[in-house]
């Protein structure tokens, strides 16, 4: 019997985001965003070789589900941690 590889809960995974001119998410993987409930930035680790620069959004999708997404400001790529 082989042990299953450990899975990291809440690990970011790629998501396709269409954003408006202000950088606010308008759809996630083609699902419309009804509202942005909150926004915050994380800028840390600048003193290390692996700084983190992210812009997070807590959104409500048109179907009522919640999601937390972020844009990695260094690469421009979008990820979700919930949703």
Protein backbone atom coordinates (compact mmCIF):
# COMPACT_ATOMS: atom_id res chain seq x y z
CA UNK A 1 0.00 0.00 0.00
CA UNK A 2 1.37 3.42 -0.97
CA UNK A 3 0.78 6.46 1.16
CA UNK A 4 -0.97 9.31 -0.61
CA UNK A 5 1.09 12.42 -1.20
CA UNK A 6 0.27 15.13 1.32
CA UNK A 7 -2.10 17.81 0.09
CA UNK A 8 -1.74 21.39 1.22
CA UNK A 9 -5.12 22.77 2.22
CA UNK A 10 -5.83 26.21 0.83
CA UNK A 11 -2.90 26.04 -1.59
CA UNK A 12 -3.27 28.60 -4.37
CA UNK A 13 -4.32 27.32 -7.77
CA UNK A 14 -4.40 29.14 -11.10
CA UNK A 15 -7.62 30.78 -12.21
CA UNK A 16 -8.57 32.74 -15.35
CA UNK A 17 -9.66 36.23 -14.34
CA UNK A 18 -11.05 38.98 -16.52
CA UNK A 19 -10.37 42.28 -14.78
CA UNK A 20 -11.55 45.81 -15.53
CA UNK A 21 -9.28 48.82 -16.13
CA UNK A 22 -8.89 49.33 -12.35
CA UNK A 23 -7.74 45.74 -11.91
CA UNK A 24 -10.97 44.57 -10.22
CA UNK A 25 -12.02 41.01 -11.12
CA UNK A 26 -15.17 40.85 -13.26
CA UNK A 27 -15.20 37.09 -13.96
CA UNK A 28 -13.45 33.94 -12.70
CA UNK A 29 -13.10 31.11 -15.21
CA UNK A 30 -16.01 32.65 -17.11
CA UNK A 31 -18.28 32.95 -14.04
CA UNK A 32 -19.43 36.58 -13.53
CA UNK A 33 -18.46 38.43 -10.35
CA UNK A 34 -21.52 40.09 -8.76
CA UNK A 35 -19.57 42.13 -6.21
CA UNK A 36 -16.17 42.71 -4.64
CA UNK A 37 -16.63 42.57 -0.85
CA UNK A 38 -13.08 43.42 0.18
CA UNK A 39 -9.63 44.14 -1.18
CA UNK A 40 -6.22 44.10 0.48
CA UNK A 41 -2.55 43.94 -0.42
CA UNK A 42 0.23 41.79 0.94
CA UNK A 43 3.77 43.07 0.49
CA UNK A 44 6.25 41.12 2.57
CA UNK A 45 9.52 39.30 2.41
CA UNK A 46 11.17 42.17 0.56
CA UNK A 47 14.26 41.54 2.69
CA UNK A 48 14.49 37.93 1.45
CA UNK A 49 15.16 36.39 -1.92
CA UNK A 50 11.45 35.50 -2.24
CA UNK A 51 9.33 38.62 -1.78
CA UNK A 52 5.53 38.39 -1.96
CA UNK A 53 3.51 41.13 -3.67
CA UNK A 54 -0.15 40.24 -3.97
CA UNK A 55 -3.46 42.07 -4.42
CA UNK A 56 -6.28 40.04 -2.87
CA UNK A 57 -10.04 40.23 -3.48
CA UNK A 58 -12.94 38.66 -1.61
CA UNK A 59 -15.67 38.35 -4.25
CA UNK A 60 -19.22 37.09 -4.57
CA UNK A 61 -20.01 35.33 -7.83
CA UNK A 62 -23.32 35.77 -9.65
CA UNK A 63 -24.40 32.29 -8.48
CA UNK A 64 -23.94 33.36 -4.83
CA UNK A 65 -20.69 31.53 -4.14
CA UNK A 66 -17.80 33.33 -2.45
CA UNK A 67 -14.20 33.22 -3.65
CA UNK A 68 -10.88 34.71 -2.62
CA UNK A 69 -8.55 35.49 -5.51
CA UNK A 70 -5.26 37.29 -5.79
CA UNK A 71 -3.07 38.71 -8.48
CA UNK A 72 0.65 38.07 -8.06
CA UNK A 73 1.83 41.59 -8.80
CA UNK A 74 5.29 40.36 -9.76
CA UNK A 75 4.06 37.97 -12.49
CA UNK A 76 0.56 39.29 -13.28
CA UNK A 77 -0.89 35.80 -12.78
CA UNK A 78 -4.14 35.17 -10.91
CA UNK A 79 -4.81 32.49 -8.29
CA UNK A 80 -7.64 31.38 -6.06
CA UNK A 81 -7.37 30.04 -2.53
CA UNK A 82 -11.05 29.37 -2.03
CA UNK A 83 -13.93 29.17 -4.46
